[in-house]
Amino acid sequence: MKKLIALACLGFAVSAPVFAGAQQDKMKGCNMEAKAGEFKGDERKAFMSKCLKKDYVLKGGAAAKPEAAASQQDRMKSCNVDAKAKELKGDERKAFMKTCLKS
């Protein structure tokens, strides 16, 4: 019985941060949409209430990230993979990353 309770607690502890992260992402997306719509006061409050509901789909997609940030992250990941494959270290890696991220 103690093992079952411990397992249940562990499952909750692991799933809680994941849910909180998704909820925070939804809140960020709703805030971005509210700012873009220039909602103020009661209008903003009503929009946020509607936006935070489970069935509302954010206009910017699941994460509602700006395109520039997403492409920069993709470039960073790609450059890191390339630098790792070439086994670059120190100044060589810095120089490679600098030129790679510019392109």
PDB file of N, CA and C in Angstrom:
ATOM      1  N   MET A   1       0.822  -1.191   0.000  1.00  0.00           N
ATOM      2  CA  MET A   1       0.000   0.000   0.000  1.00  0.00           C
ATOM      3  C   MET A   1       0.871   1.261   0.000  1.00  0.00           C
ATOM      4  N   LYS A   2       1.958   1.252   0.786  1.00  0.00           N
ATOM      5  CA  LYS A   2       2.845   2.400   0.835  1.00  0.00           C
ATOM      6  C   LYS A   2       3.506   2.642  -0.520  1.00  0.00           C
ATOM      7  N   LYS A   3       3.828   1.547  -1.222  1.00  0.00           N
ATOM      8  CA  LYS A   3       4.440   1.680  -2.541  1.00  0.00           C
ATOM      9  C   LYS A   3       3.468   2.317  -3.522  1.00  0.00           C
ATOM     10  N   LEU A   4       2.204   1.948  -3.422  1.00  0.00           N
ATOM     11  CA  LEU A   4       1.189   2.497  -4.309  1.00  0.00           C
ATOM     12  C   LEU A   4       1.019   4.005  -4.069  1.00  0.00           C
ATOM     13  N   ILE A   5       1.007   4.409  -2.808  1.00  0.00           N
ATOM     14  CA  ILE A   5       0.884   5.827  -2.476  1.00  0.00           C
ATOM     15  C   ILE A   5       2.116   6.587  -2.959  1.00  0.00           C
ATOM     16  N   ALA A   6       3.299   6.008  -2.753  1.00  0.00           N
ATOM     17  CA  ALA A   6       4.536   6.651  -3.190  1.00  0.00           C
ATOM     18  C   ALA A   6       4.553   6.795  -4.711  1.00  0.00           C
ATOM     19  N   LEU A   7       4.104   5.777  -5.409  1.00  0.00           N
ATOM     20  CA  LEU A   7       4.049   5.820  -6.870  1.00  0.00           C
ATOM     21  C   LEU A   7       3.073   6.892  -7.351  1.00  0.00           C
ATOM     22  N   ALA A   8       1.928   6.994  -6.708  1.00  0.00           N
ATOM     23  CA  ALA A   8       0.938   8.008  -7.065  1.00  0.00           C
ATOM     24  C   ALA A   8       1.499   9.415  -6.834  1.00  0.00           C
ATOM     25  N   CYS A   9       2.189   9.608  -5.725  1.00  0.00           N
ATOM     26  CA  CYS A   9       2.787  10.910  -5.424  1.00  0.00           C
ATOM     27  C   CYS A   9       3.868  11.265  -6.452  1.00  0.00           C
ATOM     28  N   LEU A  10       4.658  10.284  -6.830  1.00  0.00           N
ATOM     29  CA  LEU A  10       5.709  10.505  -7.813  1.00  0.00           C
ATOM     30  C   LEU A  10       5.096  10.888  -9.159  1.00  0.00           C
ATOM     31  N   GLY A  11       4.043  10.206  -9.548  1.00  0.00           N
ATOM     32  CA  GLY A  11       3.366  10.519 -10.800  1.00  0.00           C
ATOM     33  C   GLY A  11       2.831  11.932 -10.805  1.00  0.00           C
ATOM     34  N   PHE A  12       2.256  12.352  -9.704  1.00  0.00           N
ATOM     35  CA  PHE A  12       1.738  13.714  -9.604  1.00  0.00           C
ATOM     36  C   PHE A  12       2.877  14.729  -9.643  1.00  0.00           C
ATOM     37  N   ALA A  13       3.959  14.435  -8.934  1.00  0.00           N
ATOM     38  CA  ALA A  13       5.094  15.359  -8.875  1.00  0.00           C
ATOM     39  C   ALA A  13       5.719  15.548 -10.255  1.00  0.00           C
ATOM     40  N   VAL A  14       5.737  14.506 -11.059  1.00  0.00           N
ATOM     41  CA  VAL A  14       6.321  14.599 -12.392  1.00  0.00           C
ATOM     42  C   VAL A  14       5.377  15.319 -13.355  1.00  0.00           C
ATOM     43  N   SER A  15       4.083  15.065 -13.249  1.00  0.00           N
ATOM     44  CA  SER A  15       3.136  15.662 -14.192  1.00  0.00           C
ATOM     45  C   SER A  15       2.792  17.109 -13.864  1.00  0.00           C
ATOM     46  N   ALA A  16       2.892  17.514 -12.618  1.00  0.00           N
ATOM     47  CA  ALA A  16       2.527  18.876 -12.230  1.00  0.00           C
ATOM     48  C   ALA A  16       3.367  19.936 -12.937  1.00  0.00           C
ATOM     49  N   PRO A  17       4.706  19.808 -12.995  1.00  0.00           N
ATOM     50  CA  PRO A  17       5.485  20.833 -13.699  1.00  0.00           C
ATOM     51  C   PRO A  17       5.185  20.874 -15.193  1.00  0.00           C
ATOM     52  N   VAL A  18       4.896  19.733 -15.800  1.00  0.00           N
ATOM     53  CA  VAL A  18       4.569  19.707 -17.222  1.00  0.00           C
ATOM     54  C   VAL A  18       3.281  20.474 -17.462  1.00  0.00           C
ATOM     55  N   PHE A  19       2.281  20.241 -16.638  1.00  0.00           N
ATOM     56  CA  PHE A  19       1.008  20.951 -16.770  1.00  0.00           C
ATOM     57  C   PHE A  19       1.210  22.437 -16.532  1.00  0.00           C
ATOM     58  N   ALA A  20       2.005  22.765 -15.514  1.00  0.00           N
ATOM     59  CA  ALA A  20       2.254  24.171 -15.203  1.00  0.00           C
ATOM     60  C   ALA A  20       2.955  24.860 -16.366  1.00  0.00           C
ATOM     61  N   GLY A  21       3.890  24.176 -17.020  1.00  0.00           N
ATOM     62  CA  GLY A  21       4.592  24.749 -18.165  1.00  0.00           C
ATOM     63  C   GLY A  21       3.646  25.026 -19.311  1.00  0.00           C
ATOM     64  N   ALA A  22       2.749  24.088 -19.598  1.00  0.00           N
ATOM     65  CA  ALA A  22       1.776  24.275 -20.669  1.00  0.00           C
ATOM     66  C   ALA A  22       0.828  25.416 -20.331  1.00  0.00           C
ATOM     67  N   GLN A  23       0.446  25.503 -19.084  1.00  0.00           N
ATOM     68  CA  GLN A  23      -0.458  26.559 -18.640  1.00  0.00           C
ATOM     69  C   GLN A  23       0.230  27.924 -18.760  1.00  0.00           C
ATOM     70  N   GLN A  24       1.514  27.978 -18.414  1.00  0.00           N
ATOM     71  CA  GLN A  24       2.260  29.228 -18.527  1.00  0.00           C
ATOM     72  C   GLN A  24       2.400  29.646 -19.989  1.00  0.00           C
ATOM     73  N   ASP A  25       2.640  28.670 -20.871  1.00  0.00           N
ATOM     74  CA  ASP A  25       2.734  28.969 -22.292  1.00  0.00           C
ATOM     75  C   ASP A  25       1.418  29.529 -22.816  1.00  0.00           C
ATOM     76  N   LYS A  26       0.319  28.946 -22.373  1.00  0.00           N
ATOM     77  CA  LYS A  26      -1.007  29.419 -22.798  1.00  0.00           C
ATOM     78  C   LYS A  26      -1.223  30.851 -22.305  1.00  0.00           C
ATOM     79  N   MET A  27      -0.833  31.124 -21.066  1.00  0.00           N
ATOM     80  CA  MET A  27      -0.980  32.463 -20.497  1.00  0.00           C
ATOM     81  C   MET A  27      -0.144  33.476 -21.288  1.00  0.00           C
ATOM     82  N   LYS A  28       1.079  33.106 -21.642  1.00  0.00           N
ATOM     83  CA  LYS A  28       1.932  33.995 -22.430  1.00  0.00           C
ATOM     84  C   LYS A  28       1.296  34.293 -23.788  1.00  0.00           C
ATOM     85  N   GLY A  29       0.786  33.241 -24.426  1.00  0.00           N
ATOM     86  CA  GLY A  29       0.145  33.419 -25.723  1.00  0.00           C
ATOM     87  C   GLY A  29      -1.079  34.312 -25.635  1.00  0.00           C
ATOM     88  N   CYS A  30      -1.887  34.099 -24.601  1.00  0.00           N
ATOM     89  CA  CYS A  30      -3.081  34.938 -24.414  1.00  0.00           C
ATOM     90  C   CYS A  30      -2.691  36.387 -24.167  1.00  0.00           C
ATOM     91  N   ASN A  31      -1.647  36.608 -23.382  1.00  0.00           N
ATOM     92  CA  ASN A  31      -1.173  37.974 -23.130  1.00  0.00           C
ATOM     93  C   ASN A  31      -0.712  38.649 -24.416  1.00  0.00           C
ATOM     94  N   MET A  32      -0.005  37.873 -25.261  1.00  0.00           N
ATOM     95  CA  MET A  32       0.461  38.426 -26.536  1.00  0.00           C
ATOM     96  C   MET A  32      -0.728  38.820 -27.417  1.00  0.00           C
ATOM     97  N   GLU A  33      -1.742  37.962 -27.474  1.00  0.00           N
ATOM     98  CA  GLU A  33      -2.926  38.269 -28.281  1.00  0.00           C
ATOM     99  C   GLU A  33      -3.687  39.462 -27.711  1.00  0.00           C
ATOM    100  N   ALA A  34      -3.759  39.566 -26.387  1.00  0.00           N
ATOM    101  CA  ALA A  34      -4.455  40.692 -25.764  1.00  0.00           C
ATOM    102  C   ALA A  34      -3.736  42.009 -26.073  1.00  0.00           C
ATOM    103  N   LYS A  35      -2.405  41.980 -26.051  1.00  0.00           N
ATOM    104  CA  LYS A  35      -1.641  43.190 -26.382  1.00  0.00           C
ATOM    105  C   LYS A  35      -1.825  43.562 -27.847  1.00  0.00           C
ATOM    106  N   ALA A  36      -1.801  42.543 -28.724  1.00  0.00           N
ATOM    107  CA  ALA A  36      -1.970  42.797 -30.160  1.00  0.00           C
ATOM    108  C   ALA A  36      -3.358  43.361 -30.441  1.00  0.00           C
ATOM    109  N   GLY A  37      -4.361  42.893 -29.711  1.00  0.00           N
ATOM    110  CA  GLY A  37      -5.726  43.387 -29.878  1.00  0.00           C
ATOM    111  C   GLY A  37      -5.980  44.685 -29.152  1.00  0.00           C
ATOM    112  N   GLU A  38      -4.985  45.135 -28.393  1.00  0.00           N
ATOM    113  CA  GLU A  38      -5.073  46.373 -27.619  1.00  0.00           C
ATOM    114  C   GLU A  38      -6.306  46.414 -26.724  1.00  0.00           C
ATOM    115  N   PHE A  39      -6.578  45.285 -26.057  1.00  0.00           N
ATOM    116  CA  PHE A  39      -7.699  45.221 -25.124  1.00  0.00           C
ATOM    117  C   PHE A  39      -7.330  45.917 -23.826  1.00  0.00           C
ATOM    118  N   LYS A  40      -8.290  46.615 -23.228  1.00  0.00           N
ATOM    119  CA  LYS A  40      -8.080  47.311 -21.954  1.00  0.00           C
ATOM    120  C   LYS A  40      -9.253  47.036 -21.023  1.00  0.00           C
ATOM    121  N   GLY A  41      -8.988  47.052 -19.730  1.00  0.00           N
ATOM    122  CA  GLY A  41     -10.027  46.954 -18.712  1.00  0.00           C
ATOM    123  C   GLY A  41     -10.885  45.710 -18.795  1.00  0.00           C
ATOM    124  N   ASP A  42     -12.200  45.902 -18.766  1.00  0.00           N
ATOM    125  CA  ASP A  42     -13.154  44.798 -18.776  1.00  0.00           C
ATOM    126  C   ASP A  42     -13.079  43.987 -20.070  1.00  0.00           C
ATOM    127  N   GLU A  43     -12.775  44.669 -21.167  1.00  0.00           N
ATOM    128  CA  GLU A  43     -12.654  43.980 -22.453  1.00  0.00           C
ATOM    129  C   GLU A  43     -11.494  42.979 -22.409  1.00  0.00           C
ATOM    130  N   ARG A  44     -10.365  43.395 -21.817  1.00  0.00           N
ATOM    131  CA  ARG A  44      -9.208  42.511 -21.677  1.00  0.00           C
ATOM    132  C   ARG A  44      -9.543  41.344 -20.749  1.00  0.00           C
ATOM    133  N   LYS A  45     -10.197  41.645 -19.665  1.00  0.00           N
ATOM    134  CA  LYS A  45     -10.574  40.622 -18.683  1.00  0.00           C
ATOM    135  C   LYS A  45     -11.452  39.547 -19.341  1.00  0.00           C
ATOM    136  N   ALA A  46     -12.436  39.980 -20.138  1.00  0.00           N
ATOM    137  CA  ALA A  46     -13.322  39.045 -20.827  1.00  0.00           C
ATOM    138  C   ALA A  46     -12.550  38.223 -21.854  1.00  0.00           C
ATOM    139  N   PHE A  47     -11.636  38.882 -22.585  1.00  0.00           N
ATOM    140  CA  PHE A  47     -10.843  38.160 -23.578  1.00  0.00           C
ATOM    141  C   PHE A  47      -9.956  37.115 -22.907  1.00  0.00           C
ATOM    142  N   MET A  48      -9.282  37.501 -21.825  1.00  0.00           N
ATOM    143  CA  MET A  48      -8.385  36.572 -21.135  1.00  0.00           C
ATOM    144  C   MET A  48      -9.161  35.373 -20.602  1.00  0.00           C
ATOM    145  N   SER A  49     -10.335  35.604 -20.090  1.00  0.00           N
ATOM    146  CA  SER A  49     -11.167  34.517 -19.587  1.00  0.00           C
ATOM    147  C   SER A  49     -11.499  33.536 -20.708  1.00  0.00           C
ATOM    148  N   LYS A  50     -11.869  34.079 -21.869  1.00  0.00           N
ATOM    149  CA  LYS A  50     -12.197  33.237 -23.024  1.00  0.00           C
ATOM    150  C   LYS A  50     -10.945  32.523 -23.537  1.00  0.00           C
ATOM    151  N   CYS A  51      -9.836  33.226 -23.607  1.00  0.00           N
ATOM    152  CA  CYS A  51      -8.594  32.695 -24.163  1.00  0.00           C
ATOM    153  C   CYS A  51      -8.025  31.547 -23.327  1.00  0.00           C
ATOM    154  N   LEU A  52      -8.124  31.657 -22.018  1.00  0.00           N
ATOM    155  CA  LEU A  52      -7.525  30.652 -21.137  1.00  0.00           C
ATOM    156  C   LEU A  52      -8.346  29.368 -21.034  1.00  0.00           C
ATOM    157  N   LYS A  53      -9.507  29.343 -21.640  1.00  0.00           N
ATOM    158  CA  LYS A  53     -10.318  28.121 -21.619  1.00  0.00           C
ATOM    159  C   LYS A  53      -9.637  27.034 -22.444  1.00  0.00           C
ATOM    160  N   LYS A  54      -9.931  25.803 -22.084  1.00  0.00           N
ATOM    161  CA  LYS A  54      -9.280  24.639 -22.683  1.00  0.00           C
ATOM    162  C   LYS A  54      -9.460  24.561 -24.198  1.00  0.00           C
ATOM    163  N   ASP A  55     -10.629  24.897 -24.712  1.00  0.00           N
ATOM    164  CA  ASP A  55     -10.918  24.717 -26.130  1.00  0.00           C
ATOM    165  C   ASP A  55     -10.478  25.883 -27.019  1.00  0.00           C
ATOM    166  N   TYR A  56      -9.966  26.969 -26.438  1.00  0.00           N
ATOM    167  CA  TYR A  56      -9.521  28.115 -27.228  1.00  0.00           C
ATOM    168  C   TYR A  56      -8.175  27.795 -27.868  1.00  0.00           C
ATOM    169  N   VAL A  57      -8.037  28.062 -29.156  1.00  0.00           N
ATOM    170  CA  VAL A  57      -6.784  27.834 -29.879  1.00  0.00           C
ATOM    171  C   VAL A  57      -6.119  29.178 -30.124  1.00  0.00           C
ATOM    172  N   LEU A  58      -4.871  29.286 -29.703  1.00  0.00           N
ATOM    173  CA  LEU A  58      -4.134  30.531 -29.890  1.00  0.00           C
ATOM    174  C   LEU A  58      -3.900  30.792 -31.370  1.00  0.00           C
ATOM    175  N   LYS A  59      -3.945  32.047 -31.766  1.00  0.00           N
ATOM    176  CA  LYS A  59      -3.751  32.406 -33.169  1.00  0.00           C
ATOM    177  C   LYS A  59      -2.333  32.157 -33.636  1.00  0.00           C
ATOM    178  N   GLY A  60      -1.355  32.313 -32.738  1.00  0.00           N
ATOM    179  CA  GLY A  60       0.047  32.129 -33.098  1.00  0.00           C
ATOM    180  C   GLY A  60       0.508  30.696 -33.013  1.00  0.00           C
ATOM    181  N   GLY A  61      -0.372  29.730 -32.827  1.00  0.00           N
ATOM    182  CA  GLY A  61       0.010  28.338 -32.687  1.00  0.00           C
ATOM    183  C   GLY A  61       0.101  27.949 -31.231  1.00  0.00           C
ATOM    184  N   ALA A  62       0.579  26.749 -30.957  1.00  0.00           N
ATOM    185  CA  ALA A  62       0.613  26.217 -29.597  1.00  0.00           C
ATOM    186  C   ALA A  62       1.480  27.062 -28.669  1.00  0.00           C
ATOM    187  N   ALA A  63       2.653  27.441 -29.130  1.00  0.00           N
ATOM    188  CA  ALA A  63       3.549  28.194 -28.259  1.00  0.00           C
ATOM    189  C   ALA A  63       3.417  29.693 -28.464  1.00  0.00           C
ATOM    190  N   ALA A  64       2.841  30.110 -29.562  1.00  0.00           N
ATOM    191  CA  ALA A  64       2.655  31.523 -29.897  1.00  0.00           C
ATOM    192  C   ALA A  64       3.968  32.293 -29.839  1.00  0.00           C
ATOM    193  N   LYS A  65       5.032  31.731 -30.432  1.00  0.00           N
ATOM    194  CA  LYS A  65       6.334  32.384 -30.453  1.00  0.00           C
ATOM    195  C   LYS A  65       6.449  33.222 -31.711  1.00  0.00           C
ATOM    196  N   PRO A  66       7.124  34.336 -31.619  1.00  0.00           N
ATOM    197  CA  PRO A  66       7.384  35.103 -32.830  1.00  0.00           C
ATOM    198  C   PRO A  66       8.270  34.302 -33.778  1.00  0.00           C
ATOM    199  N   GLU A  67       8.080  34.491 -35.076  1.00  0.00           N
ATOM    200  CA  GLU A  67       8.824  33.713 -36.076  1.00  0.00           C
ATOM    201  C   GLU A  67      10.326  33.926 -35.965  1.00  0.00           C
ATOM    202  N   ALA A  68      10.756  35.155 -35.713  1.00  0.00           N
ATOM    203  CA  ALA A  68      12.189  35.432 -35.637  1.00  0.00           C
ATOM    204  C   ALA A  68      12.843  34.635 -34.514  1.00  0.00           C
ATOM    205  N   ALA A  69      12.187  34.548 -33.377  1.00  0.00           N
ATOM    206  CA  ALA A  69      12.752  33.803 -32.247  1.00  0.00           C
ATOM    207  C   ALA A  69      12.833  32.320 -32.569  1.00  0.00           C
ATOM    208  N   ALA A  70      11.821  31.792 -33.228  1.00  0.00           N
ATOM    209  CA  ALA A  70      11.817  30.375 -33.568  1.00  0.00           C
ATOM    210  C   ALA A  70      12.937  30.057 -34.548  1.00  0.00           C
ATOM    211  N   SER A  71      13.126  30.892 -35.565  1.00  0.00           N
ATOM    212  CA  SER A  71      14.172  30.618 -36.538  1.00  0.00           C
ATOM    213  C   SER A  71      15.559  30.771 -35.915  1.00  0.00           C
ATOM    214  N   GLN A  72      15.737  31.705 -35.003  1.00  0.00           N
ATOM    215  CA  GLN A  72      17.012  31.877 -34.312  1.00  0.00           C
ATOM    216  C   GLN A  72      17.321  30.642 -33.472  1.00  0.00           C
ATOM    217  N   GLN A  73      16.313  30.106 -32.800  1.00  0.00           N
ATOM    218  CA  GLN A  73      16.512  28.887 -32.012  1.00  0.00           C
ATOM    219  C   GLN A  73      16.883  27.721 -32.910  1.00  0.00           C
ATOM    220  N   ASP A  74      16.218  27.614 -34.040  1.00  0.00           N
ATOM    221  CA  ASP A  74      16.522  26.536 -34.978  1.00  0.00           C
ATOM    222  C   ASP A  74      17.949  26.655 -35.496  1.00  0.00           C
ATOM    223  N   ARG A  75      18.358  27.883 -35.817  1.00  0.00           N
ATOM    224  CA  ARG A  75      19.732  28.102 -36.281  1.00  0.00           C
ATOM    225  C   ARG A  75      20.740  27.722 -35.209  1.00  0.00           C
ATOM    226  N   MET A  76      20.459  28.107 -33.964  1.00  0.00           N
ATOM    227  CA  MET A  76      21.364  27.803 -32.857  1.00  0.00           C
ATOM    228  C   MET A  76      21.516  26.291 -32.685  1.00  0.00           C
ATOM    229  N   LYS A  77      20.400  25.580 -32.744  1.00  0.00           N
ATOM    230  CA  LYS A  77      20.448  24.118 -32.613  1.00  0.00           C
ATOM    231  C   LYS A  77      21.261  23.501 -33.733  1.00  0.00           C
ATOM    232  N   SER A  78      21.016  23.951 -34.948  1.00  0.00           N
ATOM    233  CA  SER A  78      21.720  23.415 -36.105  1.00  0.00           C
ATOM    234  C   SER A  78      23.221  23.694 -36.022  1.00  0.00           C
ATOM    235  N   CYS A  79      23.586  24.909 -35.659  1.00  0.00           N
ATOM    236  CA  CYS A  79      24.997  25.265 -35.541  1.00  0.00           C
ATOM    237  C   CYS A  79      25.681  24.468 -34.439  1.00  0.00           C
ATOM    238  N   ASN A  80      24.981  24.257 -33.323  1.00  0.00           N
ATOM    239  CA  ASN A  80      25.549  23.445 -32.241  1.00  0.00           C
ATOM    240  C   ASN A  80      25.808  22.019 -32.683  1.00  0.00           C
ATOM    241  N   VAL A  81      24.879  21.460 -33.440  1.00  0.00           N
ATOM    242  CA  VAL A  81      25.054  20.092 -33.947  1.00  0.00           C
ATOM    243  C   VAL A  81      26.269  20.030 -34.868  1.00  0.00           C
ATOM    244  N   ASP A  82      26.385  21.020 -35.757  1.00  0.00           N
ATOM    245  CA  ASP A  82      27.520  21.054 -36.688  1.00  0.00           C
ATOM    246  C   ASP A  82      28.848  21.205 -35.947  1.00  0.00           C
ATOM    247  N   ALA A  83      28.884  22.100 -34.956  1.00  0.00           N
ATOM    248  CA  ALA A  83      30.113  22.312 -34.192  1.00  0.00           C
ATOM    249  C   ALA A  83      30.510  21.058 -33.419  1.00  0.00           C
ATOM    250  N   LYS A  84      29.515  20.373 -32.893  1.00  0.00           N
ATOM    251  CA  LYS A  84      29.783  19.132 -32.162  1.00  0.00           C
ATOM    252  C   LYS A  84      30.311  18.059 -33.108  1.00  0.00           C
ATOM    253  N   ALA A  85      29.725  17.954 -34.293  1.00  0.00           N
ATOM    254  CA  ALA A  85      30.152  16.960 -35.279  1.00  0.00           C
ATOM    255  C   ALA A  85      31.588  17.221 -35.721  1.00  0.00           C
ATOM    256  N   LYS A  86      31.964  18.500 -35.803  1.00  0.00           N
ATOM    257  CA  LYS A  86      33.334  18.857 -36.198  1.00  0.00           C
ATOM    258  C   LYS A  86      34.302  18.825 -35.015  1.00  0.00           C
ATOM    259  N   GLU A  87      33.764  18.552 -33.834  1.00  0.00           N
ATOM    260  CA  GLU A  87      34.555  18.478 -32.593  1.00  0.00           C
ATOM    261  C   GLU A  87      35.354  19.755 -32.350  1.00  0.00           C
ATOM    262  N   LEU A  88      34.716  20.894 -32.564  1.00  0.00           N
ATOM    263  CA  LEU A  88      35.372  22.185 -32.349  1.00  0.00           C
ATOM    264  C   LEU A  88      35.354  22.560 -30.878  1.00  0.00           C
ATOM    265  N   LYS A  89      36.426  23.206 -30.443  1.00  0.00           N
ATOM    266  CA  LYS A  89      36.550  23.628 -29.044  1.00  0.00           C
ATOM    267  C   LYS A  89      37.122  25.045 -28.988  1.00  0.00           C
ATOM    268  N   GLY A  90      36.862  25.739 -27.903  1.00  0.00           N
ATOM    269  CA  GLY A  90      37.460  27.040 -27.626  1.00  0.00           C
ATOM    270  C   GLY A  90      37.210  28.093 -28.688  1.00  0.00           C
ATOM    271  N   ASP A  91      38.304  28.771 -29.097  1.00  0.00           N
ATOM    272  CA  ASP A  91      38.200  29.871 -30.050  1.00  0.00           C
ATOM    273  C   ASP A  91      37.696  29.413 -31.415  1.00  0.00           C
ATOM    274  N   GLU A  92      38.090  28.207 -31.828  1.00  0.00           N
ATOM    275  CA  GLU A  92      37.608  27.691 -33.114  1.00  0.00           C
ATOM    276  C   GLU A  92      36.083  27.565 -33.107  1.00  0.00           C
ATOM    277  N   ARG A  93      35.551  27.048 -31.993  1.00  0.00           N
ATOM    278  CA  ARG A  93      34.097  26.882 -31.870  1.00  0.00           C
ATOM    279  C   ARG A  93      33.396  28.243 -31.871  1.00  0.00           C
ATOM    280  N   LYS A  94      33.959  29.202 -31.129  1.00  0.00           N
ATOM    281  CA  LYS A  94      33.364  30.543 -31.079  1.00  0.00           C
ATOM    282  C   LYS A  94      33.304  31.167 -32.471  1.00  0.00           C
ATOM    283  N   ALA A  95      34.413  31.059 -33.214  1.00  0.00           N
ATOM    284  CA  ALA A  95      34.465  31.630 -34.555  1.00  0.00           C
ATOM    285  C   ALA A  95      33.457  30.931 -35.474  1.00  0.00           C
ATOM    286  N   PHE A  96      33.409  29.608 -35.381  1.00  0.00           N
ATOM    287  CA  PHE A  96      32.458  28.858 -36.204  1.00  0.00           C
ATOM    288  C   PHE A  96      31.023  29.253 -35.885  1.00  0.00           C
ATOM    289  N   MET A  97      30.689  29.326 -34.601  1.00  0.00           N
ATOM    290  CA  MET A  97      29.326  29.655 -34.180  1.00  0.00           C
ATOM    291  C   MET A  97      28.954  31.072 -34.656  1.00  0.00           C
ATOM    292  N   LYS A  98      29.883  31.987 -34.575  1.00  0.00           N
ATOM    293  CA  LYS A  98      29.622  33.365 -34.993  1.00  0.00           C
ATOM    294  C   LYS A  98      29.267  33.428 -36.461  1.00  0.00           C
ATOM    295  N   THR A  99      30.063  32.764 -37.301  1.00  0.00           N
ATOM    296  CA  THR A  99      29.775  32.792 -38.743  1.00  0.00           C
ATOM    297  C   THR A  99      28.525  31.969 -39.074  1.00  0.00           C
ATOM    298  N   CYS A 100      28.337  30.866 -38.377  1.00  0.00           N
ATOM    299  CA  CYS A 100      27.188  29.995 -38.635  1.00  0.00           C
ATOM    300  C   CYS A 100      25.865  30.703 -38.302  1.00  0.00           C
ATOM    301  N   LEU A 101      25.840  31.432 -37.201  1.00  0.00           N
ATOM    302  CA  LEU A 101      24.608  32.105 -36.780  1.00  0.00           C
ATOM    303  C   LEU A 101      24.265  33.315 -37.649  1.00  0.00           C
ATOM    304  N   LYS A 102      25.265  33.884 -38.338  1.00  0.00           N
ATOM    305  CA  LYS A 102      25.018  35.024 -39.223  1.00  0.00           C
ATOM    306  C   LYS A 102      24.323  34.589 -40.502  1.00  0.00           C
ATOM    307  N   SER A 103      24.619  33.374 -40.950  1.00  0.00           N
ATOM    308  CA  SER A 103      24.070  32.923 -42.244  1.00  0.00           C
ATOM    309  C   SER A 103      22.658  32.426 -42.134  1.00  0.00           C
TER     310      SER A 103
END
